[in-house]
Protein backbone atom coordinates (compact mmCIF):
# COMPACT_ATOMS: atom_id res chain seq x y z
CA UNK A 1 -47.45 27.87 -65.70
CA UNK A 2 -45.35 24.68 -65.62
CA UNK A 3 -43.08 24.17 -62.64
CA UNK A 4 -39.40 24.56 -63.59
CA UNK A 5 -37.49 21.31 -63.86
CA UNK A 6 -34.31 20.61 -61.91
CA UNK A 7 -31.24 21.18 -64.09
CA UNK A 8 -27.86 19.48 -63.77
CA UNK A 9 -24.83 20.74 -65.68
CA UNK A 10 -21.49 18.98 -65.50
CA UNK A 11 -18.10 20.14 -66.73
CA UNK A 12 -14.71 18.50 -66.32
CA UNK A 13 -11.00 18.86 -66.90
CA UNK A 14 -8.03 16.49 -66.79
CA UNK A 15 -5.35 17.43 -64.25
CA UNK A 16 -1.77 16.15 -64.12
CA UNK A 17 -1.83 15.43 -60.40
CA UNK A 18 -2.88 12.57 -58.13
CA UNK A 19 -6.60 12.44 -57.34
CA UNK A 20 -6.09 12.50 -53.57
CA UNK A 21 -3.86 15.56 -53.78
CA UNK A 22 -6.42 17.45 -55.85
CA UNK A 23 -9.24 16.51 -53.49
CA UNK A 24 -7.25 17.74 -50.48
CA UNK A 25 -6.57 20.99 -52.31
CA UNK A 26 -10.29 21.53 -52.95
CA UNK A 27 -11.19 20.57 -49.38
CA UNK A 28 -8.68 23.04 -47.91
CA UNK A 29 -10.54 26.31 -47.33
CA UNK A 30 -7.29 28.18 -46.73
CA UNK A 31 -6.15 27.24 -50.25
CA UNK A 32 -9.13 28.74 -52.07
CA UNK A 33 -7.81 32.32 -52.28
CA UNK A 34 -4.74 31.08 -54.16
CA UNK A 35 -6.67 28.64 -56.34
CA UNK A 36 -9.47 30.99 -57.40
CA UNK A 37 -8.55 34.62 -58.23
CA UNK A 38 -11.88 36.15 -57.04
CA UNK A 39 -11.83 34.58 -53.56
CA UNK A 40 -10.45 36.67 -50.71
CA UNK A 41 -11.22 34.54 -47.66
CA UNK A 42 -13.18 31.53 -46.40
CA UNK A 43 -13.97 30.94 -42.72
CA UNK A 44 -15.63 28.08 -40.87
CA UNK A 45 -18.60 29.45 -38.92
CA UNK A 46 -19.93 26.30 -37.27
CA UNK A 47 -22.16 23.38 -38.26
CA UNK A 48 -25.80 22.82 -39.19
CA UNK A 49 -27.70 19.63 -40.13
CA UNK A 50 -24.62 17.64 -41.03
CA UNK A 51 -23.02 20.48 -43.00
CA UNK A 52 -20.26 22.94 -42.16
CA UNK A 53 -21.30 26.58 -42.37
CA UNK A 54 -18.65 28.45 -44.34
CA UNK A 55 -18.40 32.20 -44.74
CA UNK A 56 -17.19 33.10 -48.23
CA UNK A 57 -15.88 36.46 -49.45
CA UNK A 58 -15.07 37.00 -53.11
CA UNK A 59 -14.52 39.88 -55.51
CA UNK A 60 -16.98 40.72 -58.22
CA UNK A 61 -15.87 43.09 -60.96
CA UNK A 62 -12.21 42.55 -60.01
CA UNK A 63 -11.13 43.93 -63.37
CA UNK A 64 -12.60 47.34 -62.60
CA UNK A 65 -10.10 50.18 -61.97
CA UNK A 66 -11.08 50.45 -58.30
CA UNK A 67 -10.76 46.70 -57.71
CA UNK A 68 -14.42 45.63 -57.73
CA UNK A 69 -16.73 44.86 -54.83
CA UNK A 70 -16.37 42.22 -52.14
CA UNK A 71 -19.43 39.96 -52.03
CA UNK A 72 -20.21 37.85 -48.96
CA UNK A 73 -22.41 34.79 -48.50
CA UNK A 74 -22.65 31.69 -46.34
CA UNK A 75 -22.59 28.21 -47.84
CA UNK A 76 -23.25 24.80 -46.37
CA UNK A 77 -20.35 22.46 -47.13
CA UNK A 78 -20.05 18.69 -46.93
CA UNK A 79 -16.85 16.78 -47.73
CA UNK A 80 -16.45 13.07 -48.48
CA UNK A 81 -12.83 11.98 -48.53
CA UNK A 82 -13.68 8.40 -49.55
CA UNK A 83 -15.67 9.55 -52.58
CA UNK A 84 -13.34 12.54 -53.23
CA UNK A 85 -16.30 14.93 -53.25
CA UNK A 86 -16.88 18.44 -51.91
CA UNK A 87 -20.42 19.85 -51.97
CA UNK A 88 -21.55 23.43 -51.43
CA UNK A 89 -25.10 24.74 -51.01
CA UNK A 90 -25.66 28.49 -50.47
CA UNK A 91 -27.84 29.16 -47.42
CA UNK A 92 -29.71 31.72 -49.48
CA UNK A 93 -30.08 32.00 -53.23
CA UNK A 94 -31.18 35.02 -55.21
CA UNK A 95 -33.78 35.06 -57.98
CA UNK A 96 -34.10 33.70 -60.58
CA UNK A 97 -32.77 30.66 -58.67
CA UNK A 98 -34.85 28.71 -56.19
CA UNK A 99 -32.07 26.28 -55.20
CA UNK A 100 -28.42 25.63 -56.05
CA UNK A 101 -25.87 22.93 -55.29
CA UNK A 102 -22.27 22.89 -56.53
CA UNK A 103 -20.39 19.61 -56.29
CA UNK A 104 -16.69 19.06 -56.93
CA UNK A 105 -15.64 15.47 -57.56
CA UNK A 106 -12.27 13.95 -58.41
CA UNK A 107 -11.70 10.65 -60.20
CA UNK A 108 -8.32 8.99 -60.61
CA UNK A 109 -7.17 8.48 -64.19
CA UNK A 110 -3.75 6.99 -63.42
CA UNK A 111 -1.11 7.40 -60.74
CA UNK A 112 -0.47 11.08 -61.41
CA UNK A 113 -3.52 12.11 -63.40
CA UNK A 114 -7.17 12.64 -62.57
CA UNK A 115 -10.42 14.06 -63.88
CA UNK A 116 -11.97 16.92 -61.92
CA UNK A 117 -15.68 17.53 -62.38
CA UNK A 118 -17.80 20.46 -61.31
CA UNK A 119 -21.54 19.88 -61.29
CA UNK A 120 -24.12 22.63 -60.91
CA UNK A 121 -27.55 21.39 -59.84
CA UNK A 122 -30.22 24.07 -59.69
CA UNK A 123 -33.88 24.91 -60.08
CA UNK A 124 -35.36 28.24 -61.19
CA UNK A 125 -38.21 29.95 -59.35
CA UNK A 126 -40.19 30.44 -62.54
CA UNK A 127 -40.36 28.83 -65.94
CA UNK A 128 -38.61 31.71 -67.70
CA UNK A 129 -36.64 30.70 -70.84
CA UNK A 130 -34.58 33.89 -70.88
CA UNK A 131 -33.61 33.51 -67.22
CA UNK A 132 -32.80 29.85 -67.84
CA UNK A 133 -30.50 30.77 -70.71
CA UNK A 134 -28.74 33.45 -68.61
CA UNK A 135 -28.20 31.05 -65.71
CA UNK A 136 -26.90 28.35 -68.05
CA UNK A 137 -24.48 30.79 -69.63
CA UNK A 138 -23.25 32.00 -66.23
CA UNK A 139 -22.73 28.51 -64.82
CA UNK A 140 -20.82 27.50 -67.94
CA UNK A 141 -18.52 30.52 -67.67
CA UNK A 142 -17.91 29.88 -63.97
CA UNK A 143 -17.26 26.19 -64.54
CA UNK A 144 -14.69 26.75 -67.29
CA UNK A 145 -12.94 29.47 -65.27
CA UNK A 146 -12.84 27.52 -62.00
CA UNK A 147 -11.80 24.22 -63.57
CA UNK A 148 -8.92 25.97 -65.31
CA UNK A 149 -7.93 27.56 -62.01
CA UNK A 150 -7.98 24.18 -60.23
CA UNK A 151 -5.92 22.63 -63.01
CA UNK A 152 -3.26 25.35 -62.73
CA UNK A 153 -3.13 25.38 -58.94
CA UNK A 154 -3.06 21.59 -58.58
CA UNK A 155 -0.33 21.10 -61.17
CA UNK A 156 1.83 23.78 -59.56
CA UNK A 157 1.30 22.31 -56.09
CA UNK A 158 2.04 18.75 -57.19
CA UNK A 159 4.69 19.26 -59.88
CA UNK A 160 6.37 22.54 -58.88
CA UNK A 161 5.89 22.88 -55.11
CA UNK A 162 8.97 25.09 -54.81
CA UNK A 163 6.92 27.90 -56.39
CA UNK A 164 4.63 27.94 -53.34
CA UNK A 165 5.69 29.82 -50.22
CA UNK A 166 4.31 30.65 -46.80
CA UNK A 167 5.84 33.41 -44.72
CA UNK A 168 4.94 33.50 -41.05
CA UNK A 169 5.55 36.21 -38.46
CA UNK A 170 4.24 36.75 -34.95
CA UNK A 171 4.18 39.81 -32.69
CA UNK A 172 3.19 39.95 -29.03
CA UNK A 173 1.47 43.19 -28.02
CA UNK A 174 0.72 44.44 -24.51
CA UNK A 175 -2.86 45.38 -25.25
CA UNK A 176 -6.32 43.94 -25.77
CA UNK A 177 -7.41 42.06 -28.91
CA UNK A 178 -10.03 44.76 -29.50
CA UNK A 179 -7.43 47.55 -29.52
CA UNK A 180 -5.12 45.60 -31.80
CA UNK A 181 -7.86 44.58 -34.21
CA UNK A 182 -9.28 48.10 -34.47
CA UNK A 183 -5.89 49.59 -35.37
CA UNK A 184 -5.10 46.85 -37.86
CA UNK A 185 -8.46 47.04 -39.61
CA UNK A 186 -8.83 50.83 -39.59
CA UNK A 187 -6.30 51.23 -42.39
CA UNK A 188 -7.52 54.71 -43.23
CA UNK A 189 -5.76 55.94 -40.09
CA UNK A 190 -2.42 54.29 -40.84
CA UNK A 191 -0.66 57.42 -42.21
CA UNK A 192 -0.87 58.93 -38.71
CA UNK A 193 0.40 55.73 -37.09
CA UNK A 194 2.98 54.38 -39.53
CA UNK A 195 5.84 56.52 -40.81
CA UNK A 196 6.20 54.57 -44.06
CA UNK A 197 2.53 54.97 -45.11
CA UNK A 198 2.03 58.07 -47.24
CA UNK A 199 -1.57 57.46 -48.30
CA UNK A 200 -4.29 54.98 -47.38
CA UNK A 201 -7.60 55.23 -49.22
CA UNK A 202 -10.36 52.91 -48.00
CA UNK A 203 -13.44 52.11 -50.07
CA UNK A 204 -16.06 50.30 -48.02
CA UNK A 205 -17.46 47.17 -49.64
CA UNK A 206 -20.16 45.86 -47.34
CA UNK A 207 -20.06 45.07 -43.61
CA UNK A 208 -16.57 44.17 -42.44
CA UNK A 209 -14.98 44.44 -45.88
CA UNK A 210 -13.19 47.10 -47.89
CA UNK A 211 -10.71 47.71 -50.68
CA UNK A 212 -7.57 49.50 -49.52
CA UNK A 213 -5.25 51.38 -51.84
CA UNK A 214 -2.05 52.34 -50.06
CA UNK A 215 1.10 54.23 -51.03
CA UNK A 216 4.23 53.54 -49.01
CA UNK A 217 7.83 54.76 -48.86
CA UNK A 218 10.30 52.06 -49.84
CA UNK A 219 13.50 51.35 -47.90
CA UNK A 220 15.67 52.05 -50.93
CA UNK A 221 13.79 55.14 -52.07
CA UNK A 222 10.72 55.67 -54.20
CA UNK A 223 7.09 54.93 -53.51
CA UNK A 224 5.09 51.74 -53.92
CA UNK A 225 1.33 51.41 -54.44
CA UNK A 226 -0.65 48.38 -53.33
CA UNK A 227 -4.34 47.56 -53.58
CA UNK A 228 -5.86 44.90 -51.36
CA UNK A 229 -9.28 43.42 -50.73
CA UNK A 230 -9.68 43.09 -46.95
CA UNK A 231 -12.09 41.20 -44.71
CA UNK A 232 -12.36 41.74 -40.97
CA UNK A 233 -13.75 39.29 -38.41
CA UNK A 234 -13.93 41.19 -35.11
CA UNK A 235 -11.87 40.79 -33.07
CA UNK A 236 -9.94 37.70 -34.03
CA UNK A 237 -8.94 37.76 -37.70
CA UNK A 238 -8.21 39.92 -40.73
CA UNK A 239 -7.65 38.50 -44.20
CA UNK A 240 -6.59 40.29 -47.33
CA UNK A 241 -5.58 39.61 -50.90
CA UNK A 242 -3.23 41.61 -53.09
CA UNK A 243 -4.93 42.90 -56.25
CA UNK A 244 -1.89 44.60 -57.81
CA UNK A 245 0.70 41.86 -58.16
CA UNK A 246 4.36 42.49 -59.05
CA UNK A 247 5.98 40.48 -61.87
CA UNK A 248 7.44 38.08 -59.30
CA UNK A 249 4.09 36.87 -57.93
CA UNK A 250 0.98 35.28 -59.43
CA UNK A 251 -0.95 35.14 -56.14
CA UNK A 252 -0.54 36.61 -52.67
CA UNK A 253 -3.00 36.44 -49.80
CA UNK A 254 -2.56 37.05 -46.09
CA UNK A 255 -4.31 36.05 -42.87
CA UNK A 256 -3.74 37.71 -39.50
CA UNK A 257 -4.99 35.80 -36.48
CA UNK A 258 -5.45 37.84 -33.30
CA UNK A 259 -5.61 35.94 -30.04
CA UNK A 260 -4.72 35.88 -26.37
CA UNK A 261 -1.02 35.86 -25.58
CA UNK A 262 0.86 35.29 -22.32
CA UNK A 263 0.26 37.47 -19.26
CA UNK A 264 -2.77 39.27 -20.67
CA UNK A 265 -1.11 40.28 -23.92
CA UNK A 266 -2.35 39.80 -27.49
CA UNK A 267 -0.52 37.80 -30.14
CA UNK A 268 -0.88 38.60 -33.83
CA UNK A 269 0.17 35.78 -36.15
CA UNK A 270 0.65 36.65 -39.81
CA UNK A 271 0.61 33.95 -42.48
CA UNK A 272 1.31 35.03 -46.06
CA UNK A 273 0.80 32.61 -48.92
CA UNK A 274 2.54 33.34 -52.20
CA UNK A 275 2.82 31.71 -55.60
CA UNK A 276 6.01 32.77 -57.35
CA UNK A 277 5.83 33.52 -61.06
CA UNK A 278 9.06 31.98 -62.31
CA UNK A 279 9.00 34.00 -65.52
CA UNK A 280 9.15 37.21 -63.46
CA UNK A 281 12.34 36.40 -61.55
CA UNK A 282 14.70 37.87 -64.15
CA UNK A 283 12.59 41.02 -64.54
CA UNK A 284 12.81 41.78 -60.82
CA UNK A 285 16.13 40.28 -59.71
CA UNK A 286 18.14 40.12 -62.92
CA UNK A 287 19.15 37.45 -65.39
CA UNK A 288 20.73 34.36 -63.89
CA UNK A 289 18.93 34.64 -60.54
CA UNK A 290 17.84 31.21 -59.37
CA UNK A 291 14.65 30.15 -57.65
CA UNK A 292 16.27 29.75 -54.23
CA UNK A 293 17.56 33.33 -54.35
CA UNK A 294 14.11 34.50 -55.43
CA UNK A 295 12.48 32.64 -52.55
CA UNK A 296 14.91 34.24 -50.09
CA UNK A 297 14.18 37.69 -51.54
CA UNK A 298 10.40 37.19 -51.35
CA UNK A 299 10.59 35.92 -47.77
CA UNK A 300 12.70 38.87 -46.62
CA UNK A 301 10.56 41.45 -48.43
CA UNK A 302 7.21 40.16 -47.25
CA UNK A 303 8.35 39.63 -43.68
CA UNK A 304 9.86 43.11 -43.43
CA UNK A 305 6.77 44.79 -44.89
CA UNK A 306 4.31 43.06 -42.58
CA UNK A 307 6.56 43.70 -39.58
CA UNK A 308 6.49 47.42 -40.35
CA UNK A 309 2.72 47.32 -39.89
CA UNK A 310 2.60 44.99 -36.88
CA UNK A 311 5.46 46.71 -35.06
CA UNK A 312 3.88 50.14 -35.58
CA UNK A 313 0.59 48.87 -34.12
CA UNK A 314 2.47 47.34 -31.21
CA UNK A 315 4.22 50.65 -30.52
CA UNK A 316 0.99 52.66 -30.68
CA UNK A 317 -1.06 50.28 -28.50
CA UNK A 318 1.65 49.92 -25.87
CA UNK A 319 2.35 53.65 -25.79
CA UNK A 320 -1.34 54.36 -25.27
CA UNK A 321 -1.56 51.77 -22.50
CA UNK A 322 1.48 53.22 -20.70
CA UNK A 323 0.12 56.74 -21.11
CA UNK A 324 -3.29 55.75 -19.72
CA UNK A 325 -1.68 53.96 -16.79
CA UNK A 326 0.43 57.02 -16.06
CA UNK A 327 -2.63 59.25 -16.04
CA UNK A 328 -4.47 56.91 -13.67
CA UNK A 329 -1.47 56.78 -11.36
CA UNK A 330 -1.31 60.58 -11.31
CA UNK A 331 -4.98 60.83 -10.37
CA UNK A 332 -4.60 58.22 -7.62
CA UNK A 333 -1.70 60.17 -6.18
C-alpha cells in the first residue's frame, strides 16, 4: 500500500483591521474563548523543544440540549511576531491522522485591512480515500467557521472596542487555596452554601471539567437559569463559559485565579470578559438606552452575581475555620 502523502490546505479571509492587531488577538490565549465559540479555556503548561505547551478545552456538540461535552488536549504552540504567525501542533493525534499542524498567518493589505490565512498541514496513517475525504471535509468546515469567527472578533475589537468589557473583582478569604478551590468547583453543593442558588445540576465531562446548569433567585423576583462549561485546575484556577446567553451578550467567559493572599489568606480574583450585543440593548433595557448605560448595567449585574458566589464561599470557609479553631481551643483547655 502506498504511503499517504502530506496534505496542505489553506483558507483565508479579508479582515477590516490592522495586521498587527489581528496577530496579537490570535496570539492572546485569553482571547480565544471570546473569539471561538467552542473554546472554554486555554492555559500555558510549560515549554518543550522550543514550543509552548498549551492546555486547550473546547466544547463538542455545543448545540445539544445538555450543552455538549468538553474535550481536552495539549498542543505545542510557537509564535512569530515578526512573521505574524501562530503555529499549533497537537501533542497527540487520533486516527486516521498521523500528524497535524495548524498555522495562522496574517498579511497586511493596507493600513486597516489584512488577510488572515489558516493552513492545515496533515498526513494520514493509511492511504484510505474515504478517510481522506472525511478529513478534508472536516478541515474545510473548521477553517470556514474559525476564519469567520476571527473576522468578527477582530473587527469588533478594532472598530467597536466599546462593545468589549472586562469586569474584575477580588475577595480575600481566611482559608487555604485548597478549601476555597474545592468549594468553588464543587458547584453541586452550592444550594446548601448559597441562599440564592435553588438548583445546581452538574454533568461531568472528563477529568476536571463539567457542565453546570444552575437556577438562581433574582434580586427583583423570579428565577434565572444559567448553563456553563467549567474547567478546574487544582488548586489555582477555574474557568467557565456561559452557554445560555441573554439578548444583551454575544459572549461571556470568566476566569477565577486562586492564590496566596496576605497573612496566610487566599485571594480569589475574578475576571469576566463580555462582548455586548448592541442589538439586544433595547430588548433588555428599553428603547433609547445608550451604550454607556448598558455597559454600566452589565458591570453592576456581573459584579453583583459573582460576588454572591465568592462572598458565600468566604463566609463558609471562614466560619468553618473559626469553628475548628474553637473546637481545638476547647480540647486544649
